[in-house]
């Protein structure tokens, strides 16, 4: 999810840099072994004035990657860097004791194959299709060549992609790499593949879920900011237009003026959305929860005490007692399991900023299908599935 946001920001920046004739290099994590702070696909854009976007580690590798980027820009030649973060490896000046290994590919970003396809990648990342970026990272005539492979939202795992944008040099190689992308799409993992003697990094970019926030009160500001920062695509809904002033929500959230019974308002796909209801009004909370349950939204967080949420659900069951359904929603424990009230993890939160952190932490756990717990109690690698 974070990679989608990071990649969008970086590729959008490339267009601006290229238009001004400035240079930059892009570093991408292509492989990890053991402990690593970032996963394959994590990126760091290094501009010629030293400004950066993104990151490839917790900060321990960036200094050396910057040096590599300077060389890449100067020679217009990409390189593949290997970092062993164990205690004993001092080959590049650090013994980190992190018990892992990271491979990072550094390439020219504002010239060559990447610059050619950057605009198309930005367009693809504005939609809801899964996108795979395939880059030749081994030495040879095609090194640095990149194609974008598109899997529309309805594409089942393992199906062949709908379209390939760009070329790696030959239709045969493009087709074979598209088959590798299909494998990554089926497994949900980015990986390095060997195809026709070449190393190809296939990065899978799955569109992040939409977060629907109902209620634009002052306590929603931190939630919208934090959720946007971690990669959710946020839609903010309230019937009070004055509260939707962009000065309160400068993080690019989509803002919609609507009431629960306004059927003309089209919300993002329910199956790809999570929702938090925080209208501070029983009537409006009830209306939005009714609509979200009917739409099939898989997670509905409700701000407020447990008894308040239980009262709302009892009222919805009573409203549908004559027909067995409310607005297309059939009551029952299985359906109500989608409602999380009080919303958030038990962090002892106090105040809107801390409450927002507890909510975003729960949203991340739900999205990752993880049971929240202390990492110190986990004995396997953090990023295993």
Protein backbone atom coordinates (compact mmCIF):
# COMPACT_ATOMS: atom_id res chain seq x y z
CA UNK A 1 0.00 0.00 0.00
CA UNK A 2 2.75 2.43 0.92
CA UNK A 3 4.68 1.47 -2.22
CA UNK A 4 1.74 2.63 -4.39
CA UNK A 5 1.78 6.08 -2.79
CA UNK A 6 5.58 6.30 -2.85
CA UNK A 7 5.78 5.22 -6.49
CA UNK A 8 3.08 7.72 -7.50
CA UNK A 9 4.93 10.59 -5.81
CA UNK A 10 8.27 9.62 -7.30
CA UNK A 11 7.09 9.12 -10.88
CA UNK A 12 5.09 12.36 -10.72
CA UNK A 13 8.25 14.13 -9.58
CA UNK A 14 10.22 12.69 -12.49
CA UNK A 15 8.04 14.56 -14.97
CA UNK A 16 8.73 17.89 -13.24
CA UNK A 17 12.47 17.25 -13.06
CA UNK A 18 12.67 16.23 -16.69
CA UNK A 19 10.77 19.31 -17.80
CA UNK A 20 13.35 21.51 -16.07
CA UNK A 21 16.29 19.56 -17.47
CA UNK A 22 17.39 18.39 -14.03
CA UNK A 23 18.85 14.96 -13.34
CA UNK A 24 18.08 12.30 -10.76
CA UNK A 25 18.65 8.62 -10.01
CA UNK A 26 16.20 6.07 -8.69
CA UNK A 27 17.20 3.37 -6.21
CA UNK A 28 14.86 0.40 -5.79
CA UNK A 29 15.01 -2.50 -3.35
CA UNK A 30 14.78 -5.60 -5.57
CA UNK A 31 15.58 -8.38 -3.12
CA UNK A 32 15.88 -8.94 0.62
CA UNK A 33 17.08 -11.86 2.70
CA UNK A 34 16.52 -12.02 6.44
CA UNK A 35 15.82 -8.83 8.36
CA UNK A 36 15.12 -5.72 6.27
CA UNK A 37 13.32 -2.46 7.04
CA UNK A 38 11.80 -2.10 3.54
CA UNK A 39 10.44 -4.71 1.19
CA UNK A 40 11.15 -5.23 -2.54
CA UNK A 41 9.75 -2.29 -4.47
CA UNK A 42 10.71 0.37 -1.92
CA UNK A 43 12.22 3.36 -3.71
CA UNK A 44 14.47 6.33 -3.11
CA UNK A 45 14.64 9.16 -5.65
CA UNK A 46 17.89 11.12 -5.38
CA UNK A 47 17.88 14.50 -7.15
CA UNK A 48 21.01 16.29 -8.29
CA UNK A 49 20.63 18.95 -5.57
CA UNK A 50 20.51 16.25 -2.87
CA UNK A 51 16.74 16.28 -2.28
CA UNK A 52 15.16 12.85 -1.90
CA UNK A 53 11.75 11.18 -1.90
CA UNK A 54 11.13 7.78 -0.34
CA UNK A 55 13.60 5.46 1.31
CA UNK A 56 15.27 2.06 0.95
CA UNK A 57 16.15 1.43 4.60
CA UNK A 58 15.76 2.91 8.05
CA UNK A 59 18.49 5.37 7.07
CA UNK A 60 21.53 3.11 7.38
CA UNK A 61 22.00 2.50 3.64
CA UNK A 62 21.01 5.88 2.24
CA UNK A 63 24.44 7.53 2.44
CA UNK A 64 26.08 4.85 0.29
CA UNK A 65 23.12 4.76 -2.09
CA UNK A 66 23.48 8.52 -2.57
CA UNK A 67 27.11 8.01 -3.61
CA UNK A 68 26.07 5.29 -6.04
CA UNK A 69 23.36 7.59 -7.42
CA UNK A 70 25.92 10.32 -8.10
CA UNK A 71 28.00 7.88 -10.12
CA UNK A 72 24.94 6.58 -11.99
CA UNK A 73 23.91 10.10 -13.00
CA UNK A 74 27.46 11.00 -14.02
CA UNK A 75 28.01 7.91 -16.18
CA UNK A 76 24.39 7.28 -17.22
CA UNK A 77 25.01 3.67 -16.25
CA UNK A 78 22.90 1.75 -13.74
CA UNK A 79 24.28 -0.54 -11.04
CA UNK A 80 23.11 -3.30 -8.72
CA UNK A 81 24.35 -2.90 -5.15
CA UNK A 82 24.45 -5.68 -2.55
CA UNK A 83 24.42 -4.84 1.17
CA UNK A 84 25.01 -7.38 3.91
CA UNK A 85 23.84 -5.84 7.18
CA UNK A 86 25.42 -8.39 9.50
CA UNK A 87 27.83 -7.46 12.27
CA UNK A 88 30.96 -8.76 10.56
CA UNK A 89 30.58 -7.30 7.07
CA UNK A 90 32.55 -4.04 7.00
CA UNK A 91 33.13 -4.07 3.24
CA UNK A 92 31.33 -0.78 2.76
CA UNK A 93 32.05 0.79 6.11
CA UNK A 94 29.30 -0.42 8.48
CA UNK A 95 28.65 -3.43 10.65
CA UNK A 96 24.97 -2.98 11.42
CA UNK A 97 24.19 -6.25 13.13
CA UNK A 98 20.78 -6.49 11.44
CA UNK A 99 21.27 -10.05 10.13
CA UNK A 100 19.96 -9.38 6.65
CA UNK A 101 20.93 -8.69 3.06
CA UNK A 102 19.48 -6.17 0.62
CA UNK A 103 19.96 -5.79 -3.14
CA UNK A 104 19.31 -2.29 -4.50
CA UNK A 105 19.16 -1.36 -8.17
CA UNK A 106 20.20 2.24 -8.95
CA UNK A 107 19.35 3.66 -12.39
CA UNK A 108 19.13 6.99 -14.22
CA UNK A 109 15.64 8.38 -13.61
CA UNK A 110 15.27 11.45 -15.81
CA UNK A 111 16.74 9.98 -18.97
CA UNK A 112 16.61 6.64 -20.69
CA UNK A 113 13.91 3.95 -20.48
CA UNK A 114 12.50 4.97 -17.09
CA UNK A 115 11.84 8.55 -18.16
CA UNK A 116 10.13 7.30 -21.30
CA UNK A 117 7.51 5.30 -19.43
CA UNK A 118 7.12 7.46 -16.30
CA UNK A 119 4.08 9.39 -17.55
CA UNK A 120 2.20 6.21 -18.42
CA UNK A 121 2.96 4.77 -14.98
CA UNK A 122 1.50 7.88 -13.30
CA UNK A 123 -1.68 7.48 -15.37
CA UNK A 124 -2.01 3.81 -14.41
CA UNK A 125 -1.51 4.54 -10.71
CA UNK A 126 -4.40 7.02 -10.81
CA UNK A 127 -6.77 4.09 -11.38
CA UNK A 128 -7.79 0.89 -9.60
CA UNK A 129 -5.94 -1.66 -11.73
CA UNK A 130 -3.08 -3.69 -10.28
CA UNK A 131 0.15 -2.68 -12.01
CA UNK A 132 3.37 -4.65 -12.39
CA UNK A 133 6.59 -2.84 -13.30
CA UNK A 134 9.17 -5.13 -14.90
CA UNK A 135 12.76 -3.86 -15.16
CA UNK A 136 15.87 -5.52 -16.59
CA UNK A 137 18.47 -5.24 -13.82
CA UNK A 138 21.30 -7.40 -15.21
CA UNK A 139 24.04 -6.16 -17.52
CA UNK A 140 23.28 -6.25 -21.22
CA UNK A 141 21.78 -4.17 -23.99
CA UNK A 142 18.34 -4.04 -22.37
CA UNK A 143 19.54 -3.05 -18.88
CA UNK A 144 17.19 -0.51 -17.33
CA UNK A 145 14.39 -1.19 -19.82
CA UNK A 146 11.03 -1.12 -18.06
CA UNK A 147 7.50 -2.13 -19.01
CA UNK A 148 4.24 -1.56 -17.16
CA UNK A 149 1.81 -4.48 -17.08
CA UNK A 150 -1.82 -3.81 -16.26
CA UNK A 151 -4.24 -6.16 -14.48
CA UNK A 152 -7.74 -4.63 -14.38
CA UNK A 153 -9.61 -4.84 -11.09
CA UNK A 154 -11.68 -7.84 -12.18
CA UNK A 155 -8.66 -9.89 -13.31
CA UNK A 156 -8.50 -13.11 -11.25
CA UNK A 157 -5.11 -14.15 -9.82
CA UNK A 158 -3.17 -16.19 -12.35
CA UNK A 159 -4.95 -14.76 -15.40
CA UNK A 160 -2.92 -13.18 -18.17
CA UNK A 161 -2.66 -9.37 -17.99
CA UNK A 162 -4.88 -7.17 -20.13
CA UNK A 163 -2.17 -4.95 -21.56
CA UNK A 164 1.57 -4.28 -21.63
CA UNK A 165 2.88 -0.72 -21.93
CA UNK A 166 6.35 -0.21 -23.39
CA UNK A 167 8.81 -2.88 -24.49
CA UNK A 168 11.92 -4.64 -23.22
CA UNK A 169 13.27 -4.95 -26.76
CA UNK A 170 11.38 -7.85 -28.32
CA UNK A 171 7.78 -9.14 -28.33
CA UNK A 172 8.98 -12.56 -27.17
CA UNK A 173 10.75 -11.15 -24.12
CA UNK A 174 7.77 -8.91 -23.33
CA UNK A 175 5.46 -11.93 -23.46
CA UNK A 176 7.68 -14.06 -21.26
CA UNK A 177 8.07 -11.30 -18.69
CA UNK A 178 4.30 -10.73 -18.72
CA UNK A 179 3.97 -14.39 -17.74
CA UNK A 180 6.30 -13.70 -14.78
CA UNK A 181 4.10 -10.75 -13.85
CA UNK A 182 1.11 -13.07 -13.91
CA UNK A 183 2.93 -15.29 -11.41
CA UNK A 184 3.60 -12.29 -9.15
CA UNK A 185 -0.03 -11.26 -9.46
CA UNK A 186 -1.09 -14.73 -8.33
CA UNK A 187 1.26 -14.79 -5.33
CA UNK A 188 0.96 -11.11 -4.42
CA UNK A 189 4.75 -10.76 -4.25
CA UNK A 190 7.39 -8.71 -6.03
CA UNK A 191 10.40 -10.79 -7.05
CA UNK A 192 13.45 -11.11 -9.29
CA UNK A 193 12.94 -13.57 -12.18
CA UNK A 194 15.52 -14.99 -14.57
CA UNK A 195 14.25 -14.84 -18.15
CA UNK A 196 16.36 -15.70 -21.20
CA UNK A 197 19.57 -15.14 -19.25
CA UNK A 198 18.44 -11.79 -17.88
CA UNK A 199 17.51 -10.78 -14.36
CA UNK A 200 14.10 -9.09 -14.37
CA UNK A 201 12.69 -7.40 -11.28
CA UNK A 202 8.90 -7.61 -11.32
CA UNK A 203 7.34 -5.22 -8.84
CA UNK A 204 3.68 -5.77 -8.04
CA UNK A 205 1.74 -2.62 -7.16
CA UNK A 206 -1.68 -3.43 -5.72
CA UNK A 207 -4.01 -0.43 -5.43
CA UNK A 208 -4.50 0.61 -1.80
CA UNK A 209 -7.98 0.44 -0.28
CA UNK A 210 -10.18 3.47 -0.09
CA UNK A 211 -10.92 4.83 3.36
CA UNK A 212 -14.34 6.45 3.67
CA UNK A 213 -14.52 8.86 6.60
CA UNK A 214 -18.03 10.02 7.50
CA UNK A 215 -17.84 13.18 9.57
CA UNK A 216 -15.57 16.18 9.02
CA UNK A 217 -15.35 17.40 12.59
CA UNK A 218 -12.10 18.59 14.10
CA UNK A 219 -11.23 15.07 15.27
CA UNK A 220 -11.33 13.84 11.65
CA UNK A 221 -8.40 16.06 10.66
CA UNK A 222 -5.73 13.90 12.28
CA UNK A 223 -7.36 10.70 11.00
CA UNK A 224 -7.46 11.95 7.40
CA UNK A 225 -3.85 13.19 7.65
CA UNK A 226 -2.41 9.99 9.14
CA UNK A 227 -4.43 7.67 6.90
CA UNK A 228 -3.32 9.59 3.81
CA UNK A 229 0.30 9.52 4.96
CA UNK A 230 0.34 5.72 5.25
CA UNK A 231 -1.20 5.25 1.80
CA UNK A 232 -4.99 5.00 2.09
CA UNK A 233 -6.97 6.86 -0.57
CA UNK A 234 -9.26 8.91 1.63
CA UNK A 235 -12.78 10.12 0.82
CA UNK A 236 -14.31 12.47 3.39
CA UNK A 237 -18.11 12.77 3.54
CA UNK A 238 -20.25 15.24 5.47
CA UNK A 239 -23.51 17.12 4.83
CA UNK A 240 -22.05 20.26 6.41
CA UNK A 241 -20.18 21.84 3.53
CA UNK A 242 -18.39 24.40 5.72
CA UNK A 243 -16.60 21.61 7.59
CA UNK A 244 -15.18 20.28 4.33
CA UNK A 245 -13.04 23.37 3.80
CA UNK A 246 -9.75 22.19 2.22
CA UNK A 247 -7.75 24.31 4.66
CA UNK A 248 -8.63 21.73 7.34
CA UNK A 249 -7.77 18.78 5.09
CA UNK A 250 -4.71 19.66 2.99
CA UNK A 251 -3.74 16.04 2.30
CA UNK A 252 -5.51 15.49 -1.00
CA UNK A 253 -8.58 13.76 0.40
CA UNK A 254 -11.60 13.68 -1.87
CA UNK A 255 -14.41 15.65 -0.21
CA UNK A 256 -18.11 14.92 -0.75
CA UNK A 257 -21.12 16.84 0.57
CA UNK A 258 -23.86 14.28 1.17
CA UNK A 259 -26.40 12.80 3.55
CA UNK A 260 -26.93 9.05 4.02
CA UNK A 261 -30.13 9.02 1.92
CA UNK A 262 -28.52 10.80 -1.02
CA UNK A 263 -28.40 7.91 -3.49
CA UNK A 264 -27.05 10.15 -6.28
CA UNK A 265 -23.65 10.24 -4.56
CA UNK A 266 -21.35 7.55 -5.90
CA UNK A 267 -18.84 6.25 -3.37
CA UNK A 268 -15.78 4.11 -4.17
CA UNK A 269 -16.23 0.37 -4.61
CA UNK A 270 -17.53 -1.14 -1.36
CA UNK A 271 -15.40 -4.26 -1.77
CA UNK A 272 -12.24 -2.14 -1.93
CA UNK A 273 -13.18 0.24 0.90
CA UNK A 274 -12.97 0.53 4.66
CA UNK A 275 -15.11 3.04 6.53
CA UNK A 276 -15.00 5.05 9.75
CA UNK A 277 -18.23 6.68 10.93
CA UNK A 278 -17.68 9.65 13.24
CA UNK A 279 -20.58 12.06 12.65
CA UNK A 280 -21.25 12.61 16.39
CA UNK A 281 -24.95 12.25 15.60
CA UNK A 282 -27.00 9.13 16.28
CA UNK A 283 -29.30 9.75 13.33
CA UNK A 284 -26.48 10.34 10.82
CA UNK A 285 -24.30 7.55 12.22
CA UNK A 286 -27.25 5.16 11.96
CA UNK A 287 -27.97 6.26 8.40
CA UNK A 288 -24.42 5.82 7.19
CA UNK A 289 -23.97 2.47 8.97
CA UNK A 290 -27.20 1.23 7.37
CA UNK A 291 -25.97 2.25 3.93
CA UNK A 292 -22.49 0.77 4.43
CA UNK A 293 -23.87 -2.55 5.66
CA UNK A 294 -26.21 -2.72 2.68
CA UNK A 295 -23.35 -1.97 0.29
CA UNK A 296 -21.21 -4.77 1.75
CA UNK A 297 -18.30 -2.67 3.07
CA UNK A 298 -16.14 -5.26 4.92
CA UNK A 299 -14.99 -2.99 7.75
CA UNK A 300 -17.07 -0.28 9.43
CA UNK A 301 -15.42 1.47 12.37
CA UNK A 302 -17.70 3.49 14.62
CA UNK A 303 -16.44 6.19 16.97
CA UNK A 304 -17.98 6.15 20.44
CA UNK A 305 -18.65 3.73 23.29
CA UNK A 306 -19.67 0.12 22.73
CA UNK A 307 -23.19 0.61 24.10
CA UNK A 308 -23.84 3.38 21.58
CA UNK A 309 -22.84 1.15 18.64
CA UNK A 310 -24.90 -1.74 20.01
CA UNK A 311 -27.88 0.58 20.32
CA UNK A 312 -27.51 1.64 16.69
CA UNK A 313 -27.38 -1.98 15.52
CA UNK A 314 -30.44 -2.91 17.62
CA UNK A 315 -32.29 0.00 16.05
CA UNK A 316 -31.34 -1.16 12.55
CA UNK A 317 -32.55 -4.68 13.31
CA UNK A 318 -35.82 -3.29 14.61
CA UNK A 319 -36.26 -1.05 11.56
CA UNK A 320 -36.02 -4.10 9.32
CA UNK A 321 -38.20 -6.38 11.44
CA UNK A 322 -41.15 -6.29 9.05
CA UNK A 323 -39.20 -7.00 5.89
CA UNK A 324 -36.17 -8.86 7.21
CA UNK A 325 -33.84 -6.30 5.70
CA UNK A 326 -32.83 -2.68 5.98
CA UNK A 327 -31.86 -0.95 2.73
CA UNK A 328 -30.75 -4.27 1.26
CA UNK A 329 -28.99 -5.35 4.47
CA UNK A 330 -30.13 -8.54 6.16
CA UNK A 331 -29.44 -8.33 9.89
CA UNK A 332 -27.49 -10.97 11.77
CA UNK A 333 -24.32 -11.56 13.72
CA UNK A 334 -22.31 -12.47 10.61
CA UNK A 335 -23.09 -9.12 9.03
CA UNK A 336 -22.63 -7.18 12.24
CA UNK A 337 -19.15 -8.66 12.69
CA UNK A 338 -18.12 -6.10 10.10
CA UNK A 339 -18.89 -3.31 12.57
CA UNK A 340 -16.03 -2.33 14.91
CA UNK A 341 -17.24 -0.11 17.72
CA UNK A 342 -15.42 1.36 19.50
CA UNK A 343 -13.11 1.82 16.53
CA UNK A 344 -9.34 1.49 16.99
CA UNK A 345 -6.82 -0.55 18.94
CA UNK A 346 -6.50 -0.42 22.71
CA UNK A 347 -3.49 1.89 22.99
CA UNK A 348 -4.70 3.97 25.89
CA UNK A 349 -5.26 6.82 23.43
CA UNK A 350 -6.29 10.26 24.66
CA UNK A 351 -7.15 13.16 22.36
CA UNK A 352 -7.79 13.29 18.59
CA UNK A 353 -4.19 12.68 17.50
CA UNK A 354 -3.74 9.57 19.63
CA UNK A 355 -7.21 8.27 18.79
CA UNK A 356 -6.39 8.71 15.10
CA UNK A 357 -3.20 6.67 15.57
CA UNK A 358 -5.17 3.87 17.22
CA UNK A 359 -7.68 3.88 14.35
CA UNK A 360 -5.04 3.87 11.62
CA UNK A 361 -3.19 1.05 13.43
CA UNK A 362 -6.37 -1.03 13.37
CA UNK A 363 -6.95 -0.20 9.69
CA UNK A 364 -3.42 -1.38 8.85
CA UNK A 365 -3.90 -4.60 10.80
CA UNK A 366 -7.22 -5.28 9.03
CA UNK A 367 -5.71 -4.55 5.63
CA UNK A 368 -2.70 -6.81 6.30
CA UNK A 369 -4.89 -9.52 7.87
CA UNK A 370 -2.74 -9.42 11.00
CA UNK A 371 -3.68 -9.91 14.64
CA UNK A 372 -2.14 -6.92 16.46
CA UNK A 373 0.57 -7.86 18.95
CA UNK A 374 3.98 -6.77 20.16
CA UNK A 375 6.68 -7.40 17.55
CA UNK A 376 8.95 -8.55 20.39
CA UNK A 377 6.60 -11.53 20.78
CA UNK A 378 6.89 -12.51 17.12
CA UNK A 379 9.55 -15.12 16.37
CA UNK A 380 9.45 -15.24 12.55
CA UNK A 381 10.35 -12.47 10.12
CA UNK A 382 8.03 -9.46 10.23
CA UNK A 383 7.28 -9.37 6.52
CA UNK A 384 6.48 -13.07 6.07
CA UNK A 385 2.91 -13.84 5.05
